[in-house]
Structures are given as structure tokens and as C-alpha cells.
Protein backbone atom coordinates (compact mmCIF):
# COMPACT_ATOMS: atom_id res chain seq x y z
CA MET A 1 17.70 -8.97 14.78
CA THR A 2 17.99 -7.55 11.26
CA ALA A 3 15.10 -9.73 10.03
CA TYR A 4 13.05 -8.55 13.01
CA VAL A 5 13.63 -4.88 12.18
CA LEU A 6 13.00 -5.40 8.46
CA GLY A 7 9.82 -7.36 9.14
CA ASP A 8 8.37 -4.66 11.39
CA SER A 9 9.43 -1.95 8.96
CA TRP A 10 7.73 -3.76 6.07
CA THR A 11 4.54 -4.05 8.13
CA MET A 12 4.57 -0.30 8.70
CA THR A 13 5.34 0.31 5.02
CA ARG A 14 2.26 -1.71 4.01
CA ARG A 15 0.25 0.34 6.49
CA GLU A 16 1.34 3.54 4.77
CA LEU A 17 0.68 2.13 1.30
CA ALA A 18 -2.85 1.25 2.42
CA ARG A 19 -3.39 4.95 2.99
CA TRP A 20 -2.81 5.49 -0.72
CA ALA A 21 -5.88 3.36 -1.48
CA ARG A 22 -7.97 5.27 1.06
CA GLN A 23 -6.68 8.73 0.08
CA PRO A 24 -5.67 8.55 -3.61
CA ALA A 25 -6.30 12.26 -4.16
CA THR A 26 -3.39 13.15 -1.88
CA VAL A 27 -0.99 10.99 -3.87
CA VAL A 28 -2.26 12.37 -7.18
CA VAL A 29 -1.81 15.96 -6.02
CA ASP A 30 1.70 15.30 -4.73
CA VAL A 31 2.70 13.66 -8.02
CA ALA A 32 0.95 16.21 -10.26
CA PHE A 33 2.30 19.34 -8.55
CA PRO A 34 5.88 19.06 -9.90
CA VAL A 35 4.47 18.35 -13.39
CA MET A 36 2.50 21.62 -13.17
CA LEU A 37 5.67 23.45 -12.13
CA LEU A 38 7.61 21.96 -15.03
CA LEU A 39 4.95 23.01 -17.53
CA MET A 40 4.68 26.47 -15.98
CA PHE A 41 8.40 27.21 -16.04
CA GLY A 42 8.89 25.48 -19.36
CA TYR A 43 6.16 27.36 -21.20
CA LEU A 44 5.14 30.42 -19.18
CA VAL A 45 8.15 31.58 -17.19
CA GLY A 46 10.91 29.94 -19.25
CA GLY A 47 13.89 31.82 -20.54
CA GLY A 48 16.84 30.48 -18.65
CA ARG A 49 19.01 33.48 -17.96
CA GLY A 50 22.66 32.54 -17.92
CA VAL A 51 21.95 29.18 -19.58
CA GLU A 52 23.75 27.96 -22.67
CA GLY A 53 21.98 25.39 -24.82
CA ALA A 54 18.37 24.20 -24.82
CA TYR A 55 16.57 25.48 -21.75
CA VAL A 56 14.48 22.30 -21.42
CA ASP A 57 17.69 20.27 -21.01
CA TYR A 58 18.68 22.66 -18.23
CA LEU A 59 15.24 22.91 -16.63
CA VAL A 60 14.22 19.24 -16.34
CA PRO A 61 17.16 18.13 -14.13
CA GLY A 62 16.50 21.17 -11.95
CA MET A 63 12.84 20.26 -11.64
CA LEU A 64 13.71 16.65 -10.82
CA ALA A 65 15.92 17.85 -7.96
CA LEU A 66 13.36 20.41 -6.81
CA THR A 67 10.71 17.69 -6.65
CA MET A 68 12.89 15.78 -4.20
CA ALA A 69 12.88 18.81 -1.87
CA PHE A 70 9.15 19.55 -2.09
CA GLY A 71 6.13 17.48 -1.10
CA LEU A 72 7.35 16.58 2.37
CA GLU A 73 4.18 17.79 4.07
CA GLY A 74 2.30 14.56 3.35
CA THR A 75 4.76 12.54 5.39
CA MET A 76 5.07 15.24 8.03
CA ILE A 77 1.30 15.47 8.52
CA ALA A 78 0.97 11.66 8.70
CA VAL A 79 3.60 11.54 11.45
CA THR A 80 1.96 14.31 13.48
CA GLN A 81 -1.50 12.77 13.06
CA ASP A 82 -0.24 9.44 14.38
CA LEU A 83 1.27 11.25 17.34
CA ASN A 84 -1.88 13.19 18.19
CA LYS A 85 -4.26 10.27 17.72
CA GLY A 86 -2.28 8.09 20.09
CA VAL A 87 -1.33 5.62 17.35
CA ILE A 88 2.36 5.94 18.15
CA ASP A 89 1.72 5.24 21.83
CA ARG A 90 -0.12 2.03 20.89
CA PHE A 91 2.73 0.96 18.63
CA ARG A 92 5.18 1.56 21.49
CA SER A 93 3.22 -0.90 23.62
CA LEU A 94 3.68 -3.64 20.99
CA PRO A 95 6.77 -5.87 20.60
CA MET A 96 7.97 -3.83 17.66
CA ALA A 97 11.43 -2.67 16.61
CA ASP A 98 12.24 0.92 17.60
CA GLY A 99 11.86 3.27 14.67
CA ALA A 100 9.93 0.79 12.46
CA VAL A 101 7.07 3.30 12.18
CA LEU A 102 9.40 5.99 10.86
CA VAL A 103 11.17 3.56 8.53
CA GLY A 104 7.83 2.41 7.11
CA ARG A 105 6.69 5.98 6.59
CA SER A 106 9.96 6.91 4.88
CA ALA A 107 9.89 3.79 2.67
CA ALA A 108 6.40 4.67 1.42
CA ASP A 109 7.53 8.23 0.73
CA MET A 110 10.54 6.98 -1.24
CA LEU A 111 8.27 4.80 -3.39
CA GLN A 112 6.11 7.82 -4.15
CA SER A 113 9.22 9.89 -4.88
CA ALA A 114 10.47 7.28 -7.35
CA LEU A 115 7.05 7.38 -9.04
CA SER A 116 7.24 11.18 -9.23
CA LEU A 117 10.68 10.99 -10.82
CA MET A 118 9.49 8.57 -13.51
CA LEU A 119 6.40 10.64 -14.28
CA LEU A 120 8.25 13.95 -14.35
CA GLY A 121 11.04 12.45 -16.47
CA GLY A 122 8.43 11.17 -18.92
CA VAL A 123 6.78 14.59 -19.16
CA GLY A 124 10.21 16.18 -19.63
CA TYR A 125 10.95 13.74 -22.43
CA ALA A 126 7.67 14.71 -24.08
CA LEU A 127 8.74 18.37 -23.86
CA GLY A 128 12.01 17.59 -25.64
CA TRP A 129 14.44 16.73 -22.83
CA ARG A 130 16.98 14.19 -23.97
CA PRO A 131 19.45 12.77 -21.41
CA HIS A 132 22.75 12.12 -23.19
CA GLY A 133 24.63 10.41 -20.37
CA GLY A 134 23.51 6.90 -21.30
CA PRO A 135 21.67 4.39 -19.06
CA GLN A 136 24.43 4.35 -16.43
CA GLY A 137 24.43 8.12 -16.16
CA LEU A 138 20.65 8.18 -15.88
CA LEU A 139 20.62 5.53 -13.14
CA ALA A 140 23.38 7.34 -11.24
CA ALA A 141 21.42 10.60 -11.51
CA ALA A 142 18.28 8.88 -10.18
CA ALA A 143 20.27 7.46 -7.26
CA LEU A 144 21.58 10.93 -6.37
CA LEU A 145 18.07 12.39 -6.55
CA LEU A 146 16.63 9.70 -4.28
CA LEU A 147 19.54 10.08 -1.85
CA PHE A 148 18.80 13.81 -1.64
CA ARG A 149 15.12 13.03 -1.09
CA PHE A 150 15.98 10.58 1.69
CA ALA A 151 17.98 13.27 3.48
CA MET A 152 15.24 15.89 3.06
CA LEU A 153 12.69 13.35 4.27
CA TRP A 154 14.42 12.79 7.59
CA ILE A 155 14.77 16.53 8.07
CA GLY A 156 11.01 16.75 7.52
CA ILE A 157 10.29 13.88 9.93
CA HIS A 158 12.39 15.51 12.63
CA LEU A 159 10.69 18.88 12.13
CA ALA A 160 7.28 17.17 12.21
CA LEU A 161 8.11 15.53 15.52
CA VAL A 162 9.27 18.88 16.88
CA ALA A 163 6.17 20.69 15.58
CA GLY A 164 3.91 18.01 17.04
CA LYS A 165 0.67 19.20 15.38
CA PRO A 166 -0.57 18.91 11.77
CA GLU A 167 -1.51 22.59 11.63
CA MET A 168 2.12 23.51 12.34
CA VAL A 169 3.44 21.46 9.43
CA GLN A 170 2.54 23.98 6.73
CA ALA A 171 4.42 26.72 8.56
CA VAL A 172 7.49 24.47 8.84
CA GLN A 173 7.19 23.36 5.19
CA ILE A 174 7.47 27.00 4.08
CA LEU A 175 11.12 26.84 5.19
CA VAL A 176 11.79 24.49 2.25
CA TRP A 177 10.82 27.08 -0.35
CA PRO A 178 13.91 29.30 0.06
CA VAL A 179 16.12 26.21 -0.27
CA GLY A 180 14.28 25.23 -3.45
CA PHE A 181 14.08 28.55 -5.24
CA LEU A 182 17.45 29.96 -4.10
CA SER A 183 19.14 27.33 -6.24
CA ASN A 184 20.25 26.83 -9.83
CA ALA A 185 17.12 24.85 -10.71
CA PHE A 186 15.78 27.57 -13.01
CA ALA A 187 18.66 29.93 -13.77
CA GLY A 188 22.44 29.92 -13.66
CA PRO A 189 24.22 31.57 -10.71
CA ASP A 190 26.20 33.70 -13.17
CA SER A 191 23.02 35.65 -13.92
CA MET A 192 22.55 36.53 -10.23
CA PRO A 193 24.20 39.12 -7.97
CA ASP A 194 27.58 37.91 -6.69
CA TRP A 195 26.47 37.47 -3.06
CA LEU A 196 23.40 35.52 -4.11
CA GLY A 197 25.30 33.43 -6.63
CA ILE A 198 27.69 32.26 -3.92
CA PHE A 199 24.80 31.09 -1.72
CA VAL A 200 23.14 29.38 -4.69
CA GLN A 201 26.32 27.51 -5.60
CA TRP A 202 26.70 26.12 -2.07
CA ASN A 203 23.04 25.15 -1.76
CA PRO A 204 22.82 21.32 -1.41
CA LEU A 205 19.98 21.32 -3.94
CA SER A 206 22.24 23.10 -6.43
CA GLN A 207 24.97 20.52 -5.92
CA THR A 208 22.55 17.69 -6.69
CA THR A 209 21.10 19.57 -9.68
CA THR A 210 24.54 20.25 -11.15
CA ALA A 211 25.58 16.62 -10.71
CA VAL A 212 22.36 15.39 -12.36
CA ARG A 213 22.93 17.74 -15.30
CA ASP A 214 26.47 16.43 -15.64
CA LEU A 215 25.36 12.78 -15.51
CA SER A 216 22.56 13.40 -18.01
CA GLY A 217 24.86 15.32 -20.36
CA GLY A 218 22.85 18.54 -20.21
CA PRO A 219 23.88 22.22 -20.09
CA GLY A 220 24.95 23.50 -16.70
CA GLY A 221 26.56 20.25 -15.66
CA GLU A 222 30.03 20.30 -14.14
CA SER A 223 32.25 17.36 -13.33
CA GLY A 224 33.31 16.99 -9.72
CA HIS A 225 29.91 17.81 -8.22
CA VAL A 226 28.90 14.17 -7.85
CA TRP A 227 30.90 13.79 -4.66
CA ALA A 228 29.36 16.96 -3.23
CA ALA A 229 25.91 15.64 -4.19
CA VAL A 230 26.71 12.49 -2.19
CA LEU A 231 28.39 14.10 0.81
CA TRP A 232 25.77 16.81 1.42
CA PRO A 233 22.86 14.34 1.91
CA LEU A 234 25.03 11.98 3.96
CA ALA A 235 26.01 14.86 6.24
CA LEU A 236 22.37 15.90 6.63
CA LEU A 237 21.37 12.31 7.37
CA ALA A 238 24.14 11.97 9.96
CA VAL A 239 22.57 14.90 11.83
CA PHE A 240 18.82 14.59 11.36
CA LEU A 241 18.21 10.83 11.25
CA PRO A 242 19.53 10.25 14.80
CA LEU A 243 17.71 13.39 15.97
CA ALA A 244 14.44 12.10 14.53
CA VAL A 245 14.82 8.62 15.99
CA THR A 246 15.76 10.04 19.40
CA ARG A 247 12.85 12.47 19.36
CA PHE A 248 10.47 9.69 18.33
CA ALA A 249 11.63 7.43 21.18
CA ARG A 250 11.09 10.19 23.73
CA PRO A 251 7.72 9.85 25.54
CA ARG A 252 5.39 12.78 25.01
CA ASP A 253 4.73 15.03 27.95
């Protein structure tokens, strides 16, 4: 049974990767956007209020985490397009494992996210970012970032299935921006009003960012946030992954 599910999921993953060859501009834009943000905040908007130490060492982990929250619209639009073109209905008529389409879509997104992390980390290194946590710390930080992305991805898939139409995806994606910018990605909570600082500290993105800074040995890192950076995504997955799979299995009216 496991081999059956994995085989179908891999078939759907290859289908999504084939889209990269047909639509390379979309992948390039998704990968280049966080690099543009990093350069903008690093050179134009930089300053780092409430940050001790080199701002680039504070900014890059925040940008890595922010990248895992943004760029969901590509996956969300692909899901809604498949729904509206009847592709999903044809897949349902085939002897295919339930949810293989969603697993394949998410696997392709995770590959692109890993590529974005490597590219953004390389650009950060060129700007002067130096992770001091050693190889193990860097690998652990990457694992936390991808876990956060996986959770955000299934939230996006569920919202895409609820929205049902590609033109609704952009409106839903706007909801991600408050989560991204009301975080400690760019500035420390101590520099914010008390009520806002409390929200920022509890933001799941902030928990992942703080843990990544700790693991990479940068300013703004605090020990003890690794568990929160693990538990937050797992809690989100426990809610939204079953919701997405259930919604996907439900026939459209």
C-alpha cells in the first residue's frame, strides 16, 4: 500500500516538475522575489532597530523564514486550475491513491523552496552573512525552515480548495502578508509598542526565525525556541492537512 501511494505521488510530482520546463518564468520569479527583498532591506531599508550586532546576520535568517511563508500562490493557482479544468475529476476516475495529486504538488513546491533557500543563503553570504553554528546548526536550521514551509503550504492548499478559482487566490494570498511582516524578520520586538511586540513574539514565523538565528549563531537568537519552531508547524499541519485532504476528496457541486 505504501509503495502504491509513493508511486502515484511520484508520478504527480513529475507532472508538476514538467510544468517548470513549460513555464520557467514562473519559477524564476518565485525564486528571485525573495532575493530582491533581501537586497532591498539590506541596502535600502536596512537599519535594524532594536538589533545588536551586524544587521545582515540578523536580516538573512529572517528573510529565509519569510521566504518560506511567501510564494504560495503558484501552488494555490495550480490546484485551482486543475479543479476548474476538470483535471482533478479525471484523476479521480483513475486507480490512483487518494491525495496523490496534492502530495505531488506539495513535493514539487518543497523542491522549489529548497532551491530558494540555497540561492538566498548564497546571496546572503555574498552580502556578508556568516552562520556560526557549524554544519549541524545550519542543517537543523534548514530543516526547521522547510518544516515551516510544509505547514504553510498545506494551509495554502486548503485555502485554494476553499477559494476554488484562480482569481480568488491573490485575495487569499494577501492574508499571508500580515503574518510575514508582523514578525521579527526585520526588527526586534523590543523596538515595537508593547501590544505589537507581544503579537510579534507569538507569531509562528517569529518562532522559526528566532530558532534559525540561534542555530546559525546570529544576533537575535534565543535558546529554547527550537521546540516552539517545531511544535507550531506540527500543530498547523495537524489542522490543515486533514482539512485539505478531506476538502479535496469531496466531489464538487
